[in-house]
Amino acid sequence: MSGPLPRVSGQEVVRALERAGFVVVGTRGSHRKLRHAERARVVIIPLHHELASGTLRSILRQAGMSPDEFRQLIT
């Protein structure tokens, strides 16, 4: 089910990553910091109303997640 990434807000990305096992460890300004306990990955999410596709792609790369895995988490 490849194709363009969905248009989502920063808060929707945070909720999806929490379902994948990430935990919010801090907030600074308009950015949330999430850490995955098992894989020791850290991801910074800007809390914008709509994330640019390049920003979302970078977040998924940092999280070690494919676009298809992400799509399953937001549905």
C-alpha atoms as a PDB file:
ATOM      1  CA  MET A   1       0.000   0.000   0.000  1.00  0.00           C
ATOM      2  CA  SER A   2       2.689   2.452  -0.978  1.00  0.00           C
ATOM      3  CA  GLY A   3       1.890   5.956  -2.093  1.00  0.00           C
ATOM      4  CA  PRO A   4       2.105   9.453  -0.739  1.00  0.00           C
ATOM      5  CA  LEU A   5       2.355   9.940   2.985  1.00  0.00           C
ATOM      6  CA  PRO A   6      -0.839  11.065   4.734  1.00  0.00           C
ATOM      7  CA  ARG A   7      -1.225  14.683   5.799  1.00  0.00           C
ATOM      8  CA  VAL A   8      -1.216  14.591   9.585  1.00  0.00           C
ATOM      9  CA  SER A   9      -0.639  16.934  12.502  1.00  0.00           C
ATOM     10  CA  GLY A  10       2.231  16.647  14.935  1.00  0.00           C
ATOM     11  CA  GLN A  11      -0.157  15.485  17.662  1.00  0.00           C
ATOM     12  CA  GLU A  12      -1.436  12.655  15.435  1.00  0.00           C
ATOM     13  CA  VAL A  13       2.164  11.536  14.868  1.00  0.00           C
ATOM     14  CA  VAL A  14       2.814  11.567  18.622  1.00  0.00           C
ATOM     15  CA  ARG A  15      -0.268   9.366  19.233  1.00  0.00           C
ATOM     16  CA  ALA A  16       0.772   6.939  16.468  1.00  0.00           C
ATOM     17  CA  LEU A  17       4.316   6.635  17.816  1.00  0.00           C
ATOM     18  CA  GLU A  18       2.966   6.068  21.336  1.00  0.00           C
ATOM     19  CA  ARG A  19       1.006   3.098  19.940  1.00  0.00           C
ATOM     20  CA  ALA A  20       4.332   1.818  18.542  1.00  0.00           C
ATOM     21  CA  GLY A  21       5.953   1.849  21.986  1.00  0.00           C
ATOM     22  CA  PHE A  22       7.417   5.365  22.156  1.00  0.00           C
ATOM     23  CA  VAL A  23       7.005   7.427  25.336  1.00  0.00           C
ATOM     24  CA  VAL A  24       6.939  11.227  25.647  1.00  0.00           C
ATOM     25  CA  VAL A  25       9.982  12.203  27.712  1.00  0.00           C
ATOM     26  CA  GLY A  26       9.858  15.960  27.339  1.00  0.00           C
ATOM     27  CA  THR A  27       8.452  19.054  25.694  1.00  0.00           C
ATOM     28  CA  ARG A  28      10.345  22.172  24.766  1.00  0.00           C
ATOM     29  CA  GLY A  29       8.371  24.932  23.159  1.00  0.00           C
ATOM     30  CA  SER A  30       6.341  23.419  20.328  1.00  0.00           C
ATOM     31  CA  HIS A  31       8.346  20.185  20.065  1.00  0.00           C
ATOM     32  CA  ARG A  32       7.807  16.820  21.799  1.00  0.00           C
ATOM     33  CA  LYS A  33      10.644  14.422  22.494  1.00  0.00           C
ATOM     34  CA  LEU A  34       9.781  10.726  22.358  1.00  0.00           C
ATOM     35  CA  ARG A  35      11.979   7.760  23.242  1.00  0.00           C
ATOM     36  CA  HIS A  36      11.494   4.079  22.523  1.00  0.00           C
ATOM     37  CA  ALA A  37      12.475   1.964  25.519  1.00  0.00           C
ATOM     38  CA  GLU A  38      13.566  -1.180  23.689  1.00  0.00           C
ATOM     39  CA  ARG A  39      15.249   0.257  20.610  1.00  0.00           C
ATOM     40  CA  ALA A  40      16.786   3.326  22.320  1.00  0.00           C
ATOM     41  CA  ARG A  41      15.600   5.636  19.536  1.00  0.00           C
ATOM     42  CA  VAL A  42      14.812   9.305  20.137  1.00  0.00           C
ATOM     43  CA  VAL A  43      12.503  11.313  17.883  1.00  0.00           C
ATOM     44  CA  ILE A  44      11.618  15.019  18.031  1.00  0.00           C
ATOM     45  CA  ILE A  45       8.125  15.903  16.758  1.00  0.00           C
ATOM     46  CA  PRO A  46       7.115  19.502  15.933  1.00  0.00           C
ATOM     47  CA  LEU A  47       3.537  20.104  17.090  1.00  0.00           C
ATOM     48  CA  HIS A  48       2.367  21.826  13.902  1.00  0.00           C
ATOM     49  CA  HIS A  49      -1.171  21.645  12.523  1.00  0.00           C
ATOM     50  CA  GLU A  50       0.092  19.844   9.431  1.00  0.00           C
ATOM     51  CA  LEU A  51       3.554  18.362   8.966  1.00  0.00           C
ATOM     52  CA  ALA A  52       5.327  18.685   5.640  1.00  0.00           C
ATOM     53  CA  SER A  53       5.833  15.353   3.883  1.00  0.00           C
ATOM     54  CA  GLY A  54       9.638  15.671   4.111  1.00  0.00           C
ATOM     55  CA  THR A  55       9.409  16.308   7.853  1.00  0.00           C
ATOM     56  CA  LEU A  56       7.164  13.273   8.343  1.00  0.00           C
ATOM     57  CA  ARG A  57       9.491  11.131   6.216  1.00  0.00           C
ATOM     58  CA  SER A  58      12.455  12.228   8.381  1.00  0.00           C
ATOM     59  CA  ILE A  59      10.539  11.422  11.592  1.00  0.00           C
ATOM     60  CA  LEU A  60       9.701   7.946  10.315  1.00  0.00           C
ATOM     61  CA  ARG A  61      13.332   7.350   9.328  1.00  0.00           C
ATOM     62  CA  GLN A  62      14.484   8.362  12.821  1.00  0.00           C
ATOM     63  CA  ALA A  63      11.849   6.101  14.372  1.00  0.00           C
ATOM     64  CA  GLY A  64      12.916   3.158  12.208  1.00  0.00           C
ATOM     65  CA  MET A  65       9.417   2.827  10.796  1.00  0.00           C
ATOM     66  CA  SER A  66       8.171   2.335   7.243  1.00  0.00           C
ATOM     67  CA  PRO A  67       5.374   4.494   5.788  1.00  0.00           C
ATOM     68  CA  ASP A  68       3.126   1.405   5.657  1.00  0.00           C
ATOM     69  CA  GLU A  69       3.696   0.683   9.362  1.00  0.00           C
ATOM     70  CA  PHE A  70       2.863   4.312  10.128  1.00  0.00           C
ATOM     71  CA  ARG A  71      -0.353   4.178   8.075  1.00  0.00           C
ATOM     72  CA  GLN A  72      -1.515   1.176  10.109  1.00  0.00           C
ATOM     73  CA  LEU A  73      -0.912   3.069  13.369  1.00  0.00           C
ATOM     74  CA  ILE A  74      -2.953   6.144  12.408  1.00  0.00           C
ATOM     75  CA  THR A  75      -6.052   4.206  11.317  1.00  0.00           C
END
